Amino acid sequence: MAKAKGKDYFGLGRVVSIILAIIPITAWICGLITRVKEGKIVAAVVRFFFGFNIVWLIDLVLMIVNGRIMRLLNV
């Protein structure tokens, strides 16, 4: 299933996704759920343990610039 550009968090619009990415806890939870929903369990586990620090900052910048979050692991 192809995703529309700028709709990374559950198909929500870009502005709503940026707002969710700004708040660390919601960005962490949304990123974790997004990985599980995509079937990438290893990436979800990595995000669970390391997603609250540098991964959050990278996701925030990429969400503002590209409208998409980082795909660190394709597993």
C-alpha atoms as a PDB file:
ATOM      1  CA  MET A   1       0.000   0.000   0.000  1.00  0.00           C
ATOM      2  CA  ALA A   2       1.506   3.293  -1.102  1.00  0.00           C
ATOM      3  CA  LYS A   3       1.463   6.197   1.299  1.00  0.00           C
ATOM      4  CA  ALA A   4       0.784   9.753   0.288  1.00  0.00           C
ATOM      5  CA  LYS A   5       3.697  12.128   0.804  1.00  0.00           C
ATOM      6  CA  GLY A   6       3.459  13.999   4.078  1.00  0.00           C
ATOM      7  CA  LYS A   7       1.022  11.609   5.746  1.00  0.00           C
ATOM      8  CA  ASP A   8       3.286   9.496   7.874  1.00  0.00           C
ATOM      9  CA  TYR A   9       1.433   9.326  11.176  1.00  0.00           C
ATOM     10  CA  PHE A  10      -1.638   7.177  10.457  1.00  0.00           C
ATOM     11  CA  GLY A  11      -2.515   9.064   7.270  1.00  0.00           C
ATOM     12  CA  LEU A  12      -2.960  12.342   9.115  1.00  0.00           C
ATOM     13  CA  GLY A  13      -2.150  15.642   7.438  1.00  0.00           C
ATOM     14  CA  ARG A  14       1.278  17.213   7.562  1.00  0.00           C
ATOM     15  CA  VAL A  15       0.420  19.927  10.102  1.00  0.00           C
ATOM     16  CA  VAL A  16      -1.127  17.426  12.526  1.00  0.00           C
ATOM     17  CA  SER A  17       1.849  15.083  12.073  1.00  0.00           C
ATOM     18  CA  ILE A  18       4.277  17.932  12.816  1.00  0.00           C
ATOM     19  CA  ILE A  19       2.339  18.815  15.964  1.00  0.00           C
ATOM     20  CA  LEU A  20       2.467  15.172  17.074  1.00  0.00           C
ATOM     21  CA  ALA A  21       6.208  15.040  16.289  1.00  0.00           C
ATOM     22  CA  ILE A  22       6.940  18.153  18.361  1.00  0.00           C
ATOM     23  CA  ILE A  23       5.653  16.579  21.578  1.00  0.00           C
ATOM     24  CA  PRO A  24       8.264  13.973  22.595  1.00  0.00           C
ATOM     25  CA  ILE A  25       5.903  11.442  24.182  1.00  0.00           C
ATOM     26  CA  THR A  26       3.394  11.452  21.336  1.00  0.00           C
ATOM     27  CA  ALA A  27       6.217  11.262  18.769  1.00  0.00           C
ATOM     28  CA  TRP A  28       7.664   8.263  20.602  1.00  0.00           C
ATOM     29  CA  ILE A  29       4.309   6.482  20.831  1.00  0.00           C
ATOM     30  CA  CYS A  30       3.239   7.320  17.260  1.00  0.00           C
ATOM     31  CA  GLY A  31       6.609   6.199  15.886  1.00  0.00           C
ATOM     32  CA  LEU A  32       6.401   2.944  17.811  1.00  0.00           C
ATOM     33  CA  ILE A  33       2.840   2.234  16.670  1.00  0.00           C
ATOM     34  CA  THR A  34       3.717   3.157  13.079  1.00  0.00           C
ATOM     35  CA  ARG A  35       6.560   0.598  13.033  1.00  0.00           C
ATOM     36  CA  VAL A  36       4.376  -2.144  14.511  1.00  0.00           C
ATOM     37  CA  LYS A  37       1.611  -1.319  12.025  1.00  0.00           C
ATOM     38  CA  GLU A  38       4.136  -1.664   9.163  1.00  0.00           C
ATOM     39  CA  GLY A  39       5.158  -5.077  10.532  1.00  0.00           C
ATOM     40  CA  LYS A  40       8.696  -3.964  11.420  1.00  0.00           C
ATOM     41  CA  ILE A  41       8.978  -5.421  14.895  1.00  0.00           C
ATOM     42  CA  VAL A  42      12.777  -5.074  15.211  1.00  0.00           C
ATOM     43  CA  ALA A  43      12.542  -1.388  14.281  1.00  0.00           C
ATOM     44  CA  ALA A  44       9.742  -0.992  16.838  1.00  0.00           C
ATOM     45  CA  VAL A  45      11.883  -2.559  19.576  1.00  0.00           C
ATOM     46  CA  VAL A  46      14.836  -0.299  18.698  1.00  0.00           C
ATOM     47  CA  ARG A  47      12.502   2.714  18.683  1.00  0.00           C
ATOM     48  CA  PHE A  48      11.091   1.625  22.067  1.00  0.00           C
ATOM     49  CA  PHE A  49      14.521   1.617  23.701  1.00  0.00           C
ATOM     50  CA  PHE A  50      16.211   4.481  21.819  1.00  0.00           C
ATOM     51  CA  GLY A  51      13.361   6.510  20.332  1.00  0.00           C
ATOM     52  CA  PHE A  52      13.073   8.976  23.182  1.00  0.00           C
ATOM     53  CA  ASN A  53      16.368  10.777  22.540  1.00  0.00           C
ATOM     54  CA  ILE A  54      18.217  11.395  19.270  1.00  0.00           C
ATOM     55  CA  VAL A  55      15.688   9.502  17.153  1.00  0.00           C
ATOM     56  CA  TRP A  56      12.999  11.921  18.320  1.00  0.00           C
ATOM     57  CA  LEU A  57      15.063  14.930  17.230  1.00  0.00           C
ATOM     58  CA  ILE A  58      15.818  13.388  13.839  1.00  0.00           C
ATOM     59  CA  ASP A  59      12.134  12.498  13.359  1.00  0.00           C
ATOM     60  CA  LEU A  60      11.131  16.047  14.254  1.00  0.00           C
ATOM     61  CA  VAL A  61      13.494  17.618  11.729  1.00  0.00           C
ATOM     62  CA  LEU A  62      12.543  15.159   8.985  1.00  0.00           C
ATOM     63  CA  MET A  63       8.824  15.623   9.653  1.00  0.00           C
ATOM     64  CA  ILE A  64       9.201  19.390   9.262  1.00  0.00           C
ATOM     65  CA  VAL A  65      11.398  19.149   6.153  1.00  0.00           C
ATOM     66  CA  ASN A  66       9.985  16.091   4.330  1.00  0.00           C
ATOM     67  CA  GLY A  67       6.720  15.329   6.062  1.00  0.00           C
ATOM     68  CA  ARG A  68       7.949  11.790   6.787  1.00  0.00           C
ATOM     69  CA  ILE A  69       9.663  10.162   9.744  1.00  0.00           C
ATOM     70  CA  MET A  70      12.998   8.389   9.571  1.00  0.00           C
ATOM     71  CA  ARG A  71      13.199   4.778   8.448  1.00  0.00           C
ATOM     72  CA  LEU A  72      16.235   3.675  10.455  1.00  0.00           C
ATOM     73  CA  LEU A  73      15.714  -0.053  10.067  1.00  0.00           C
ATOM     74  CA  ASN A  74      13.880  -1.759   7.249  1.00  0.00           C
ATOM     75  CA  VAL A  75      13.511  -4.923   9.306  1.00  0.00           C
END
